[in-house]
N, C-alpha and C. Protein backbone atom coordinates (compact mmCIF):
# COMPACT_ATOMS: atom_id res chain seq x y z
N MET A 1 98.61 110.97 100.98
CA MET A 1 97.20 111.03 100.64
C MET A 1 96.52 109.71 101.02
N MET A 2 95.30 109.82 101.38
CA MET A 2 94.49 108.65 101.73
C MET A 2 94.14 107.89 100.44
N ASP A 3 94.07 106.57 100.54
CA ASP A 3 93.67 105.79 99.37
C ASP A 3 92.16 105.51 99.43
N ILE A 4 91.63 105.01 98.34
CA ILE A 4 90.18 104.78 98.24
C ILE A 4 89.72 103.74 99.25
N GLU A 5 90.53 102.72 99.47
CA GLU A 5 90.15 101.68 100.43
C GLU A 5 89.97 102.27 101.82
N SER A 6 90.89 103.16 102.22
CA SER A 6 90.79 103.81 103.53
C SER A 6 89.57 104.72 103.60
N LEU A 7 89.31 105.42 102.51
CA LEU A 7 88.13 106.29 102.45
C LEU A 7 86.86 105.47 102.63
N LEU A 8 86.76 104.36 101.93
CA LEU A 8 85.56 103.53 102.03
C LEU A 8 85.42 102.90 103.41
N LYS A 9 86.53 102.52 104.01
CA LYS A 9 86.50 101.97 105.37
C LYS A 9 86.02 103.04 106.36
N MET A 10 86.52 104.26 106.19
CA MET A 10 86.11 105.36 107.05
C MET A 10 84.61 105.65 106.86
N TRP A 11 84.15 105.63 105.61
CA TRP A 11 82.74 105.89 105.33
C TRP A 11 81.85 104.77 105.88
N GLU A 12 82.37 103.54 105.86
CA GLU A 12 81.61 102.41 106.41
C GLU A 12 81.29 102.67 107.88
N THR A 13 82.24 103.23 108.60
CA THR A 13 82.02 103.57 110.01
C THR A 13 81.12 104.80 110.14
N ASP A 14 81.41 105.84 109.38
CA ASP A 14 80.68 107.10 109.49
C ASP A 14 79.25 107.02 108.96
N SER A 15 78.98 106.08 108.08
CA SER A 15 77.65 106.02 107.45
C SER A 15 76.58 105.41 108.35
N LYS A 16 77.02 104.78 109.42
CA LYS A 16 76.04 104.13 110.31
C LYS A 16 75.16 105.17 111.00
N ILE A 17 73.87 104.89 111.01
CA ILE A 17 72.90 105.76 111.67
C ILE A 17 72.49 105.08 112.97
N ASP A 18 72.74 105.78 114.07
CA ASP A 18 72.35 105.26 115.37
C ASP A 18 70.85 105.50 115.53
N ASP A 19 70.07 104.44 115.32
CA ASP A 19 68.62 104.62 115.33
C ASP A 19 68.05 104.84 116.73
N VAL A 20 68.89 104.74 117.75
CA VAL A 20 68.45 105.05 119.11
C VAL A 20 68.63 106.55 119.38
N ASN A 21 69.69 107.11 118.85
CA ASN A 21 70.01 108.54 119.06
C ASN A 21 69.94 109.29 117.73
N LEU A 22 68.77 109.36 117.16
CA LEU A 22 68.62 110.01 115.86
C LEU A 22 68.97 111.50 115.92
N ASP A 23 68.73 112.14 117.07
CA ASP A 23 69.05 113.56 117.19
C ASP A 23 70.56 113.77 117.10
N ASP A 24 71.36 112.92 117.73
CA ASP A 24 72.82 113.03 117.64
C ASP A 24 73.30 112.77 116.21
N THR A 25 72.69 111.79 115.58
CA THR A 25 73.05 111.47 114.20
C THR A 25 72.77 112.67 113.31
N SER A 26 71.64 113.32 113.53
CA SER A 26 71.30 114.50 112.74
C SER A 26 72.29 115.63 112.97
N ILE A 27 72.64 115.84 114.21
CA ILE A 27 73.59 116.91 114.56
C ILE A 27 74.96 116.62 113.96
N ASN A 28 75.38 115.37 113.97
CA ASN A 28 76.70 115.00 113.45
C ASN A 28 76.79 115.06 111.93
N SER A 29 75.68 115.21 111.27
CA SER A 29 75.71 115.29 109.80
C SER A 29 76.55 116.46 109.31
N ALA A 30 76.47 117.59 109.99
CA ALA A 30 77.26 118.75 109.59
C ALA A 30 78.76 118.46 109.73
N LYS A 31 79.14 117.76 110.79
CA LYS A 31 80.55 117.40 110.99
C LYS A 31 81.02 116.45 109.89
N LEU A 32 80.16 115.48 109.57
CA LEU A 32 80.51 114.54 108.49
C LEU A 32 80.66 115.27 107.16
N HIS A 33 79.74 116.18 106.90
CA HIS A 33 79.79 116.93 105.65
C HIS A 33 81.10 117.71 105.57
N SER A 34 81.48 118.35 106.65
CA SER A 34 82.73 119.11 106.69
C SER A 34 83.94 118.20 106.46
N LYS A 35 83.94 117.06 107.09
CA LYS A 35 85.05 116.10 106.98
C LYS A 35 85.24 115.64 105.53
N TYR A 36 84.15 115.24 104.89
CA TYR A 36 84.26 114.71 103.53
C TYR A 36 84.40 115.82 102.49
N LEU A 37 83.89 117.00 102.79
CA LEU A 37 84.09 118.13 101.88
C LEU A 37 85.56 118.53 101.84
N GLU A 38 86.20 118.49 102.99
CA GLU A 38 87.64 118.79 103.04
C GLU A 38 88.43 117.78 102.21
N LEU A 39 88.13 116.50 102.37
CA LEU A 39 88.80 115.47 101.57
C LEU A 39 88.56 115.69 100.08
N PHE A 40 87.30 115.95 99.74
CA PHE A 40 86.92 116.16 98.34
C PHE A 40 87.67 117.35 97.75
N SER A 41 87.74 118.44 98.49
CA SER A 41 88.41 119.65 98.00
C SER A 41 89.89 119.40 97.73
N HIS A 42 90.55 118.73 98.67
CA HIS A 42 91.98 118.46 98.50
C HIS A 42 92.23 117.55 97.30
N VAL A 43 91.42 116.53 97.16
CA VAL A 43 91.63 115.58 96.06
C VAL A 43 91.29 116.23 94.72
N LYS A 44 90.27 117.08 94.70
CA LYS A 44 89.91 117.76 93.45
C LYS A 44 91.05 118.66 92.98
N LEU A 45 91.71 119.32 93.92
CA LEU A 45 92.87 120.15 93.55
C LEU A 45 94.03 119.29 93.05
N ARG A 46 94.25 118.15 93.69
CA ARG A 46 95.31 117.23 93.22
C ARG A 46 94.99 116.71 91.83
N LEU A 47 93.71 116.42 91.60
CA LEU A 47 93.29 115.96 90.27
C LEU A 47 93.60 117.01 89.22
N LYS A 48 93.25 118.26 89.49
CA LYS A 48 93.50 119.33 88.52
C LYS A 48 94.98 119.46 88.24
N LYS A 49 95.80 119.35 89.28
CA LYS A 49 97.26 119.43 89.11
C LYS A 49 97.75 118.29 88.21
N LYS A 50 97.26 117.07 88.45
CA LYS A 50 97.67 115.93 87.63
C LYS A 50 97.21 116.08 86.18
N GLU A 51 96.02 116.63 85.99
CA GLU A 51 95.53 116.85 84.62
C GLU A 51 96.42 117.86 83.88
N LEU A 52 96.88 118.88 84.59
CA LEU A 52 97.79 119.85 83.97
C LEU A 52 99.15 119.21 83.69
N GLU A 53 99.62 118.37 84.61
CA GLU A 53 100.87 117.64 84.38
C GLU A 53 100.74 116.72 83.17
N LEU A 54 99.58 116.11 82.99
CA LEU A 54 99.35 115.24 81.84
C LEU A 54 99.39 116.05 80.54
N ALA A 55 98.84 117.25 80.56
CA ALA A 55 98.89 118.11 79.37
C ALA A 55 100.33 118.44 79.00
N ILE A 56 101.15 118.73 80.00
CA ILE A 56 102.56 119.02 79.75
C ILE A 56 103.27 117.77 79.22
N LEU A 57 102.95 116.62 79.81
CA LEU A 57 103.55 115.36 79.35
C LEU A 57 103.16 115.08 77.90
N ASN A 58 101.92 115.34 77.54
CA ASN A 58 101.48 115.13 76.16
C ASN A 58 102.29 115.99 75.19
N LYS A 59 102.56 117.24 75.58
CA LYS A 59 103.38 118.12 74.74
C LYS A 59 104.79 117.55 74.62
N ASP A 60 105.36 117.14 75.77
CA ASP A 60 106.71 116.59 75.76
C ASP A 60 106.79 115.32 74.91
N LEU A 61 105.77 114.48 74.99
CA LEU A 61 105.77 113.25 74.18
C LEU A 61 105.68 113.57 72.70
N TRP A 62 104.91 114.58 72.36
CA TRP A 62 104.83 114.97 70.94
C TRP A 62 106.20 115.42 70.46
N LEU A 63 106.86 116.25 71.26
CA LEU A 63 108.21 116.70 70.90
C LEU A 63 109.17 115.51 70.79
N TYR A 64 109.07 114.60 71.75
CA TYR A 64 109.95 113.44 71.81
C TYR A 64 109.79 112.55 70.58
N TYR A 65 108.56 112.16 70.29
CA TYR A 65 108.33 111.23 69.19
C TYR A 65 108.50 111.87 67.82
N ASN A 66 108.50 113.18 67.77
CA ASN A 66 108.71 113.88 66.50
C ASN A 66 110.14 114.39 66.36
N GLY A 67 111.03 113.98 67.28
CA GLY A 67 112.45 114.30 67.18
C GLY A 67 112.77 115.77 67.38
N LYS A 68 111.98 116.46 68.16
CA LYS A 68 112.17 117.89 68.35
C LYS A 68 112.74 118.26 69.73
N MET A 69 113.20 117.27 70.48
CA MET A 69 113.78 117.53 71.80
C MET A 69 115.30 117.56 71.68
N THR A 70 115.90 118.42 72.49
CA THR A 70 117.36 118.47 72.53
C THR A 70 117.89 117.33 73.41
N GLN A 71 119.16 117.06 73.27
CA GLN A 71 119.79 116.02 74.09
C GLN A 71 119.71 116.39 75.57
N GLU A 72 119.84 117.66 75.89
CA GLU A 72 119.76 118.11 77.28
C GLU A 72 118.37 117.83 77.86
N GLU A 73 117.33 118.10 77.05
CA GLU A 73 115.96 117.84 77.51
C GLU A 73 115.73 116.34 77.74
N LEU A 74 116.25 115.53 76.81
CA LEU A 74 116.11 114.08 76.95
C LEU A 74 116.85 113.57 78.18
N ASP A 75 118.04 114.11 78.43
CA ASP A 75 118.81 113.72 79.61
C ASP A 75 118.07 114.11 80.88
N LYS A 76 117.51 115.30 80.87
CA LYS A 76 116.79 115.79 82.05
C LYS A 76 115.59 114.90 82.37
N LEU A 77 114.89 114.44 81.33
CA LEU A 77 113.72 113.58 81.52
C LEU A 77 114.12 112.11 81.71
N GLY A 78 115.36 111.77 81.35
CA GLY A 78 115.81 110.39 81.46
C GLY A 78 115.24 109.49 80.37
N TRP A 79 114.96 110.09 79.23
CA TRP A 79 114.36 109.34 78.11
C TRP A 79 115.44 108.91 77.13
N ASN A 80 115.19 107.80 76.45
CA ASN A 80 116.07 107.24 75.44
C ASN A 80 116.20 108.24 74.28
N TYR A 81 117.39 108.29 73.67
CA TYR A 81 117.59 109.20 72.54
C TYR A 81 116.80 108.76 71.31
N ASP A 82 116.52 107.48 71.20
CA ASP A 82 115.76 106.97 70.04
C ASP A 82 114.41 106.45 70.53
N PRO A 83 113.34 107.19 70.31
CA PRO A 83 112.03 106.76 70.81
C PRO A 83 111.50 105.49 70.15
N PHE A 84 112.06 105.12 69.01
CA PHE A 84 111.54 103.96 68.27
C PHE A 84 112.46 102.75 68.37
N ASN A 85 113.50 102.84 69.18
CA ASN A 85 114.43 101.73 69.41
C ASN A 85 114.94 101.10 68.12
N GLY A 86 115.39 101.95 67.21
CA GLY A 86 116.00 101.45 65.98
C GLY A 86 115.04 101.20 64.85
N MET A 87 113.75 101.21 65.11
CA MET A 87 112.76 101.02 64.03
C MET A 87 112.70 102.28 63.19
N ALA A 88 112.20 102.12 61.97
CA ALA A 88 111.97 103.29 61.13
C ALA A 88 110.86 104.12 61.74
N LYS A 89 110.94 105.43 61.52
CA LYS A 89 109.90 106.31 62.07
C LYS A 89 108.56 105.93 61.45
N PRO A 90 107.53 105.72 62.31
CA PRO A 90 106.22 105.32 61.78
C PRO A 90 105.55 106.45 61.00
N LEU A 91 104.53 106.07 60.26
CA LEU A 91 103.75 107.07 59.53
C LEU A 91 103.04 107.99 60.51
N LYS A 92 102.72 109.17 60.03
CA LYS A 92 102.07 110.17 60.89
C LYS A 92 100.78 109.64 61.50
N GLY A 93 100.02 108.87 60.76
CA GLY A 93 98.76 108.32 61.25
C GLY A 93 98.93 107.26 62.34
N ASP A 94 100.12 106.69 62.43
CA ASP A 94 100.39 105.66 63.43
C ASP A 94 101.03 106.21 64.71
N MET A 95 101.33 107.49 64.73
CA MET A 95 102.02 108.08 65.88
C MET A 95 101.19 108.01 67.17
N ASN A 96 99.86 108.10 67.05
CA ASN A 96 99.02 108.04 68.26
C ASN A 96 99.20 106.73 69.01
N LYS A 97 99.51 105.66 68.30
CA LYS A 97 99.74 104.38 68.96
C LYS A 97 100.95 104.47 69.90
N PHE A 98 101.94 105.20 69.48
CA PHE A 98 103.13 105.38 70.31
C PHE A 98 102.85 106.31 71.49
N TYR A 99 102.12 107.42 71.21
CA TYR A 99 101.77 108.35 72.29
C TYR A 99 100.95 107.63 73.36
N ASP A 100 99.92 106.93 72.92
CA ASP A 100 98.98 106.30 73.86
C ASP A 100 99.59 105.15 74.65
N ALA A 101 100.61 104.49 74.09
CA ALA A 101 101.22 103.35 74.77
C ALA A 101 102.48 103.73 75.54
N ASP A 102 102.85 104.98 75.51
CA ASP A 102 104.05 105.40 76.23
C ASP A 102 103.87 105.15 77.73
N PRO A 103 104.83 104.47 78.37
CA PRO A 103 104.69 104.12 79.79
C PRO A 103 104.49 105.33 80.70
N ASN A 104 105.13 106.45 80.38
CA ASN A 104 104.96 107.67 81.20
C ASN A 104 103.52 108.17 81.12
N LYS A 105 102.97 108.14 79.92
CA LYS A 105 101.59 108.61 79.74
C LYS A 105 100.59 107.65 80.38
N VAL A 106 100.83 106.36 80.22
CA VAL A 106 99.92 105.37 80.81
C VAL A 106 99.89 105.52 82.32
N GLU A 107 101.07 105.69 82.92
CA GLU A 107 101.13 105.84 84.38
C GLU A 107 100.41 107.11 84.83
N MET A 108 100.63 108.22 84.12
CA MET A 108 99.99 109.48 84.49
C MET A 108 98.47 109.39 84.32
N GLU A 109 98.02 108.74 83.25
CA GLU A 109 96.57 108.59 83.04
C GLU A 109 95.95 107.72 84.12
N MET A 110 96.68 106.71 84.58
CA MET A 110 96.18 105.87 85.67
C MET A 110 96.02 106.70 86.95
N ARG A 111 96.97 107.58 87.22
CA ARG A 111 96.88 108.45 88.39
C ARG A 111 95.69 109.40 88.29
N VAL A 112 95.49 109.95 87.09
CA VAL A 112 94.36 110.86 86.87
C VAL A 112 93.04 110.11 87.08
N GLU A 113 92.93 108.91 86.54
CA GLU A 113 91.69 108.13 86.71
C GLU A 113 91.46 107.76 88.17
N TYR A 114 92.52 107.44 88.88
CA TYR A 114 92.39 107.12 90.31
C TYR A 114 91.84 108.31 91.07
N LEU A 115 92.40 109.49 90.79
CA LEU A 115 91.93 110.69 91.47
C LEU A 115 90.49 111.04 91.08
N LYS A 116 90.13 110.79 89.83
CA LYS A 116 88.74 111.01 89.41
C LYS A 116 87.80 110.09 90.17
N THR A 117 88.19 108.84 90.32
CA THR A 117 87.38 107.89 91.07
C THR A 117 87.27 108.30 92.53
N PHE A 118 88.36 108.76 93.10
CA PHE A 118 88.36 109.24 94.48
C PHE A 118 87.39 110.42 94.62
N CYS A 119 87.47 111.36 93.68
CA CYS A 119 86.56 112.53 93.70
C CYS A 119 85.11 112.09 93.58
N ASP A 120 84.83 111.17 92.66
CA ASP A 120 83.46 110.69 92.49
C ASP A 120 82.95 110.02 93.76
N THR A 121 83.82 109.25 94.41
CA THR A 121 83.43 108.58 95.66
C THR A 121 83.13 109.61 96.74
N CYS A 122 83.98 110.60 96.87
CA CYS A 122 83.74 111.67 97.86
C CYS A 122 82.44 112.40 97.55
N LYS A 123 82.19 112.66 96.29
CA LYS A 123 80.95 113.36 95.90
C LYS A 123 79.72 112.53 96.26
N ASP A 124 79.79 111.23 96.01
CA ASP A 124 78.67 110.35 96.38
C ASP A 124 78.46 110.33 97.89
N ILE A 125 79.54 110.31 98.65
CA ILE A 125 79.43 110.34 100.11
C ILE A 125 78.82 111.66 100.55
N LEU A 126 79.27 112.76 99.97
CA LEU A 126 78.71 114.07 100.32
C LEU A 126 77.22 114.15 100.01
N ASP A 127 76.82 113.58 98.89
CA ASP A 127 75.39 113.56 98.55
C ASP A 127 74.61 112.77 99.59
N ASN A 128 75.16 111.66 100.02
CA ASN A 128 74.50 110.86 101.04
C ASN A 128 74.36 111.63 102.34
N VAL A 129 75.43 112.30 102.75
CA VAL A 129 75.39 113.09 103.98
C VAL A 129 74.42 114.26 103.84
N ARG A 130 74.42 114.87 102.68
CA ARG A 130 73.57 116.03 102.43
C ARG A 130 72.09 115.70 102.60
N PHE A 131 71.70 114.48 102.24
CA PHE A 131 70.30 114.10 102.31
C PHE A 131 70.01 113.12 103.45
N ARG A 132 70.92 113.05 104.39
CA ARG A 132 70.77 112.16 105.53
C ARG A 132 69.53 112.51 106.36
N HIS A 133 69.20 113.78 106.40
CA HIS A 133 68.04 114.21 107.19
C HIS A 133 66.75 113.55 106.69
N LEU A 134 66.70 113.27 105.39
CA LEU A 134 65.51 112.59 104.84
C LEU A 134 65.43 111.15 105.34
N THR A 135 66.57 110.49 105.45
CA THR A 135 66.60 109.13 105.98
C THR A 135 66.12 109.12 107.43
N ILE A 136 66.62 110.09 108.19
CA ILE A 136 66.22 110.19 109.60
C ILE A 136 64.72 110.47 109.70
N LYS A 137 64.25 111.36 108.84
CA LYS A 137 62.81 111.68 108.83
C LYS A 137 61.98 110.43 108.50
N ASN A 138 62.45 109.64 107.55
CA ASN A 138 61.73 108.41 107.18
C ASN A 138 61.73 107.39 108.32
N ILE A 139 62.82 107.30 109.06
CA ILE A 139 62.88 106.39 110.21
C ILE A 139 61.85 106.82 111.25
N ILE A 140 61.81 108.11 111.53
CA ILE A 140 60.85 108.63 112.51
C ILE A 140 59.42 108.40 112.04
N ALA A 141 59.14 108.66 110.77
CA ALA A 141 57.79 108.45 110.23
C ALA A 141 57.40 106.98 110.30
N HIS A 142 58.33 106.09 110.02
CA HIS A 142 58.04 104.67 110.09
C HIS A 142 57.73 104.24 111.52
N ARG A 143 58.48 104.76 112.47
CA ARG A 143 58.22 104.44 113.87
C ARG A 143 56.85 104.94 114.31
N GLN A 144 56.49 106.12 113.85
CA GLN A 144 55.17 106.67 114.18
C GLN A 144 54.06 105.79 113.58
N PHE A 145 54.29 105.35 112.36
CA PHE A 145 53.31 104.50 111.69
C PHE A 145 53.15 103.17 112.43
N VAL A 146 54.26 102.55 112.78
CA VAL A 146 54.25 101.26 113.46
C VAL A 146 53.58 101.38 114.84
N SER A 147 53.81 102.51 115.53
CA SER A 147 53.23 102.67 116.86
C SER A 147 51.77 103.12 116.81
N GLY A 148 51.26 103.39 115.62
CA GLY A 148 49.85 103.75 115.49
C GLY A 148 49.58 105.24 115.55
N ASN A 149 50.59 106.07 115.49
CA ASN A 149 50.39 107.53 115.51
C ASN A 149 50.20 108.08 114.12
């Protein structure tokens, strides 16, 4: 998958408007829209998949921290048999601190946030491409004004 830095670098190149060939720039808008819509669609699907994986992880963590997993399940996940590393089991109200700080959950949430940011960036780019014709129209109107027409 492409990273955000590569996406922004690509957009830096694609966002340039050739003010000498405004007609070509206008025609290429549809190609740009298609290019970034494809990226957006793929990343949005990956985001949904990661969000579903996070939901499953949350269920597994609840089972894990409440001592409801079998040894086979723990072995399969590669998790320690004692989630509290010898400490007494915390009070029910303190369990969220363990869920929220679990390294597996933190890593998965970071991935979800990254994909959300990628989606938001693609959406902003698509909005820019979608209204590019207005920018071109404004350039033409400004040129007409400057030339006295």
